[in-house]
């Protein structure tokens, strides 16, 4: 999902990873970028470019939710890649599907409601990743 950066993200002291991911999403990062950055704590331009391709369900194809993809990248970077299946299980338990199109079906694409839903999913997924990183 190509989104223009609205504003530069500003760090907030004591912020949860869920709130940070939601804030990063609000600042213009896509779901994948926001989950990745909030969970690894690294604002690396190369990683953000890589993660950008997963927004909107892998290049706006509306397939796999980009928040999951960002979470799997974070797990891999932190040496916990074998926990990717647990992330999928937790995500499925909460949302029943992993497809961006199905997650977004109730809302017109890129509407205020759609973006609010993506923001919620982004934050929740970051929290799932954080739990798996412990």
C-alpha atoms as a PDB file:
ATOM      1  CA  UNK A   1       0.000   0.000   0.000  1.00  0.00           C
ATOM      2  CA  UNK A   2       1.779   3.105  -1.179  1.00  0.00           C
ATOM      3  CA  UNK A   3       1.269   5.881   1.343  1.00  0.00           C
ATOM      4  CA  UNK A   4       2.998   9.213   1.450  1.00  0.00           C
ATOM      5  CA  UNK A   5       4.781  10.057   4.672  1.00  0.00           C
ATOM      6  CA  UNK A   6       2.473  12.447   6.494  1.00  0.00           C
ATOM      7  CA  UNK A   7       4.925  13.513   9.170  1.00  0.00           C
ATOM      8  CA  UNK A   8       8.205  12.393  10.650  1.00  0.00           C
ATOM      9  CA  UNK A   9       7.576   9.921  13.488  1.00  0.00           C
ATOM     10  CA  UNK A  10       8.542  11.277  16.889  1.00  0.00           C
ATOM     11  CA  UNK A  11       9.603   8.842  19.617  1.00  0.00           C
ATOM     12  CA  UNK A  12       7.341   8.714  22.656  1.00  0.00           C
ATOM     13  CA  UNK A  13       8.836   7.730  26.004  1.00  0.00           C
ATOM     14  CA  UNK A  14       7.277   4.668  27.637  1.00  0.00           C
ATOM     15  CA  UNK A  15       5.253   3.813  24.540  1.00  0.00           C
ATOM     16  CA  UNK A  16       4.151   0.208  24.048  1.00  0.00           C
ATOM     17  CA  UNK A  17       5.218  -1.571  20.874  1.00  0.00           C
ATOM     18  CA  UNK A  18       1.543  -1.720  19.874  1.00  0.00           C
ATOM     19  CA  UNK A  19       1.166   2.046  20.227  1.00  0.00           C
ATOM     20  CA  UNK A  20       4.479   2.653  18.459  1.00  0.00           C
ATOM     21  CA  UNK A  21       3.440   0.517  15.477  1.00  0.00           C
ATOM     22  CA  UNK A  22       0.119   2.366  15.249  1.00  0.00           C
ATOM     23  CA  UNK A  23       1.900   5.733  15.470  1.00  0.00           C
ATOM     24  CA  UNK A  24       4.368   4.729  12.760  1.00  0.00           C
ATOM     25  CA  UNK A  25       1.452   3.611  10.577  1.00  0.00           C
ATOM     26  CA  UNK A  26      -0.234   6.977  11.173  1.00  0.00           C
ATOM     27  CA  UNK A  27       2.988   8.743  10.158  1.00  0.00           C
ATOM     28  CA  UNK A  28       2.845   7.117   6.717  1.00  0.00           C
ATOM     29  CA  UNK A  29       4.725   3.840   7.041  1.00  0.00           C
ATOM     30  CA  UNK A  30       2.809   0.867   5.719  1.00  0.00           C
ATOM     31  CA  UNK A  31       1.753  -2.022   7.949  1.00  0.00           C
ATOM     32  CA  UNK A  32       4.839  -4.112   7.214  1.00  0.00           C
ATOM     33  CA  UNK A  33       7.257  -1.255   7.816  1.00  0.00           C
ATOM     34  CA  UNK A  34       5.510  -0.193  11.032  1.00  0.00           C
ATOM     35  CA  UNK A  35       5.556  -3.696  12.532  1.00  0.00           C
ATOM     36  CA  UNK A  36       9.175  -4.258  11.534  1.00  0.00           C
ATOM     37  CA  UNK A  37      10.465  -0.929  12.839  1.00  0.00           C
ATOM     38  CA  UNK A  38       8.465  -0.969  16.065  1.00  0.00           C
ATOM     39  CA  UNK A  39       9.543  -4.488  17.020  1.00  0.00           C
ATOM     40  CA  UNK A  40      13.239  -4.370  16.131  1.00  0.00           C
ATOM     41  CA  UNK A  41      13.753  -0.769  17.252  1.00  0.00           C
ATOM     42  CA  UNK A  42      15.788   0.107  14.185  1.00  0.00           C
ATOM     43  CA  UNK A  43      14.954   2.794  11.622  1.00  0.00           C
ATOM     44  CA  UNK A  44      17.103   1.442   8.798  1.00  0.00           C
ATOM     45  CA  UNK A  45      16.326   2.912   5.347  1.00  0.00           C
ATOM     46  CA  UNK A  46      17.268  -0.319   3.553  1.00  0.00           C
ATOM     47  CA  UNK A  47      15.004  -2.410   5.778  1.00  0.00           C
ATOM     48  CA  UNK A  48      12.185   0.085   5.276  1.00  0.00           C
ATOM     49  CA  UNK A  49      12.624  -0.116   1.482  1.00  0.00           C
ATOM     50  CA  UNK A  50      12.517  -3.912   1.657  1.00  0.00           C
ATOM     51  CA  UNK A  51       9.430  -3.936   3.892  1.00  0.00           C
ATOM     52  CA  UNK A  52       7.633  -1.378   1.710  1.00  0.00           C
ATOM     53  CA  UNK A  53       7.010  -4.067  -0.918  1.00  0.00           C
ATOM     54  CA  UNK A  54       4.857  -6.043   1.527  1.00  0.00           C
ATOM     55  CA  UNK A  55       2.305  -3.286   2.192  1.00  0.00           C
ATOM     56  CA  UNK A  56      -1.182  -3.760   0.815  1.00  0.00           C
ATOM     57  CA  UNK A  57      -0.771  -7.512   0.880  1.00  0.00           C
ATOM     58  CA  UNK A  58       2.515  -7.901  -1.044  1.00  0.00           C
ATOM     59  CA  UNK A  59       2.745  -5.044  -3.485  1.00  0.00           C
ATOM     60  CA  UNK A  60      -0.914  -4.052  -3.251  1.00  0.00           C
ATOM     61  CA  UNK A  61      -2.096  -7.488  -4.468  1.00  0.00           C
ATOM     62  CA  UNK A  62      -4.159  -7.767  -1.278  1.00  0.00           C
ATOM     63  CA  UNK A  63      -2.713 -11.198  -0.473  1.00  0.00           C
ATOM     64  CA  UNK A  64      -0.792 -11.881   2.766  1.00  0.00           C
ATOM     65  CA  UNK A  65      -1.286  -9.075   5.309  1.00  0.00           C
ATOM     66  CA  UNK A  66       1.812  -6.891   5.360  1.00  0.00           C
ATOM     67  CA  UNK A  67       1.739  -6.725   9.157  1.00  0.00           C
ATOM     68  CA  UNK A  68       2.409 -10.472   9.243  1.00  0.00           C
ATOM     69  CA  UNK A  69       5.213 -10.124   6.711  1.00  0.00           C
ATOM     70  CA  UNK A  70       6.817  -7.365   8.796  1.00  0.00           C
ATOM     71  CA  UNK A  71       6.490  -9.530  11.867  1.00  0.00           C
ATOM     72  CA  UNK A  72       8.122 -12.513  10.184  1.00  0.00           C
ATOM     73  CA  UNK A  73      10.992 -10.270   9.046  1.00  0.00           C
ATOM     74  CA  UNK A  74      11.440  -9.011  12.605  1.00  0.00           C
ATOM     75  CA  UNK A  75      11.462 -12.536  14.013  1.00  0.00           C
ATOM     76  CA  UNK A  76      14.063 -13.568  11.456  1.00  0.00           C
ATOM     77  CA  UNK A  77      16.288 -10.569  12.124  1.00  0.00           C
ATOM     78  CA  UNK A  78      16.173 -11.284  15.852  1.00  0.00           C
ATOM     79  CA  UNK A  79      17.069 -14.972  15.409  1.00  0.00           C
ATOM     80  CA  UNK A  80      13.543 -16.191  16.159  1.00  0.00           C
ATOM     81  CA  UNK A  81      12.466 -17.103  12.634  1.00  0.00           C
ATOM     82  CA  UNK A  82      11.318 -20.534  13.798  1.00  0.00           C
ATOM     83  CA  UNK A  83       8.527 -18.759  15.683  1.00  0.00           C
ATOM     84  CA  UNK A  84       6.929 -17.504  12.439  1.00  0.00           C
ATOM     85  CA  UNK A  85       4.334 -20.301  12.570  1.00  0.00           C
ATOM     86  CA  UNK A  86       3.350 -19.182  16.073  1.00  0.00           C
ATOM     87  CA  UNK A  87       2.804 -15.668  14.739  1.00  0.00           C
ATOM     88  CA  UNK A  88       0.560 -17.053  11.999  1.00  0.00           C
ATOM     89  CA  UNK A  89      -1.386 -19.087  14.578  1.00  0.00           C
ATOM     90  CA  UNK A  90      -1.853 -16.092  16.881  1.00  0.00           C
ATOM     91  CA  UNK A  91      -2.895 -13.870  13.974  1.00  0.00           C
ATOM     92  CA  UNK A  92      -5.382 -16.462  12.695  1.00  0.00           C
ATOM     93  CA  UNK A  93      -6.826 -16.942  16.186  1.00  0.00           C
ATOM     94  CA  UNK A  94      -7.489 -13.211  16.413  1.00  0.00           C
ATOM     95  CA  UNK A  95      -8.520 -12.430  12.824  1.00  0.00           C
ATOM     96  CA  UNK A  96      -9.542 -15.796  11.280  1.00  0.00           C
ATOM     97  CA  UNK A  97      -7.773 -14.923   7.996  1.00  0.00           C
ATOM     98  CA  UNK A  98      -4.334 -13.688   6.902  1.00  0.00           C
ATOM     99  CA  UNK A  99      -5.326 -12.270   3.515  1.00  0.00           C
ATOM    100  CA  UNK A 100      -5.323  -8.474   3.304  1.00  0.00           C
ATOM    101  CA  UNK A 101      -8.334  -8.561   0.984  1.00  0.00           C
ATOM    102  CA  UNK A 102     -10.421 -10.559   3.458  1.00  0.00           C
ATOM    103  CA  UNK A 103      -9.278  -8.453   6.422  1.00  0.00           C
ATOM    104  CA  UNK A 104     -10.260  -5.303   4.530  1.00  0.00           C
ATOM    105  CA  UNK A 105     -13.438  -6.604   2.852  1.00  0.00           C
ATOM    106  CA  UNK A 106     -15.919  -4.648   5.004  1.00  0.00           C
ATOM    107  CA  UNK A 107     -14.365  -1.306   4.015  1.00  0.00           C
ATOM    108  CA  UNK A 108     -13.791   0.613   0.771  1.00  0.00           C
ATOM    109  CA  UNK A 109     -10.059   0.333  -0.060  1.00  0.00           C
ATOM    110  CA  UNK A 110      -8.034   3.171   1.510  1.00  0.00           C
ATOM    111  CA  UNK A 111     -11.106   4.661   3.170  1.00  0.00           C
ATOM    112  CA  UNK A 112     -10.837   6.111   6.673  1.00  0.00           C
ATOM    113  CA  UNK A 113     -12.397   2.911   8.060  1.00  0.00           C
ATOM    114  CA  UNK A 114     -10.046   0.680   6.079  1.00  0.00           C
ATOM    115  CA  UNK A 115      -6.984   2.556   7.338  1.00  0.00           C
ATOM    116  CA  UNK A 116      -8.303   2.452  10.920  1.00  0.00           C
ATOM    117  CA  UNK A 117      -8.688  -1.321  10.607  1.00  0.00           C
ATOM    118  CA  UNK A 118      -5.148  -1.643   9.216  1.00  0.00           C
ATOM    119  CA  UNK A 119      -3.843   0.547  12.035  1.00  0.00           C
ATOM    120  CA  UNK A 120      -5.499  -1.734  14.606  1.00  0.00           C
ATOM    121  CA  UNK A 121      -4.149  -4.883  12.957  1.00  0.00           C
ATOM    122  CA  UNK A 122      -0.676  -3.331  12.685  1.00  0.00           C
ATOM    123  CA  UNK A 123      -0.545  -2.529  16.389  1.00  0.00           C
ATOM    124  CA  UNK A 124      -1.936  -5.889  17.464  1.00  0.00           C
ATOM    125  CA  UNK A 125       0.501  -7.760  15.234  1.00  0.00           C
ATOM    126  CA  UNK A 126       3.452  -5.810  16.634  1.00  0.00           C
ATOM    127  CA  UNK A 127       2.355  -6.836  20.135  1.00  0.00           C
ATOM    128  CA  UNK A 128       2.187 -10.492  19.027  1.00  0.00           C
ATOM    129  CA  UNK A 129       5.709 -10.239  17.615  1.00  0.00           C
ATOM    130  CA  UNK A 130       6.996  -8.600  20.773  1.00  0.00           C
ATOM    131  CA  UNK A 131       5.625 -11.500  22.846  1.00  0.00           C
ATOM    132  CA  UNK A 132       7.319 -14.012  20.551  1.00  0.00           C
ATOM    133  CA  UNK A 133      10.649 -12.192  20.805  1.00  0.00           C
ATOM    134  CA  UNK A 134      10.807 -12.753  24.570  1.00  0.00           C
END
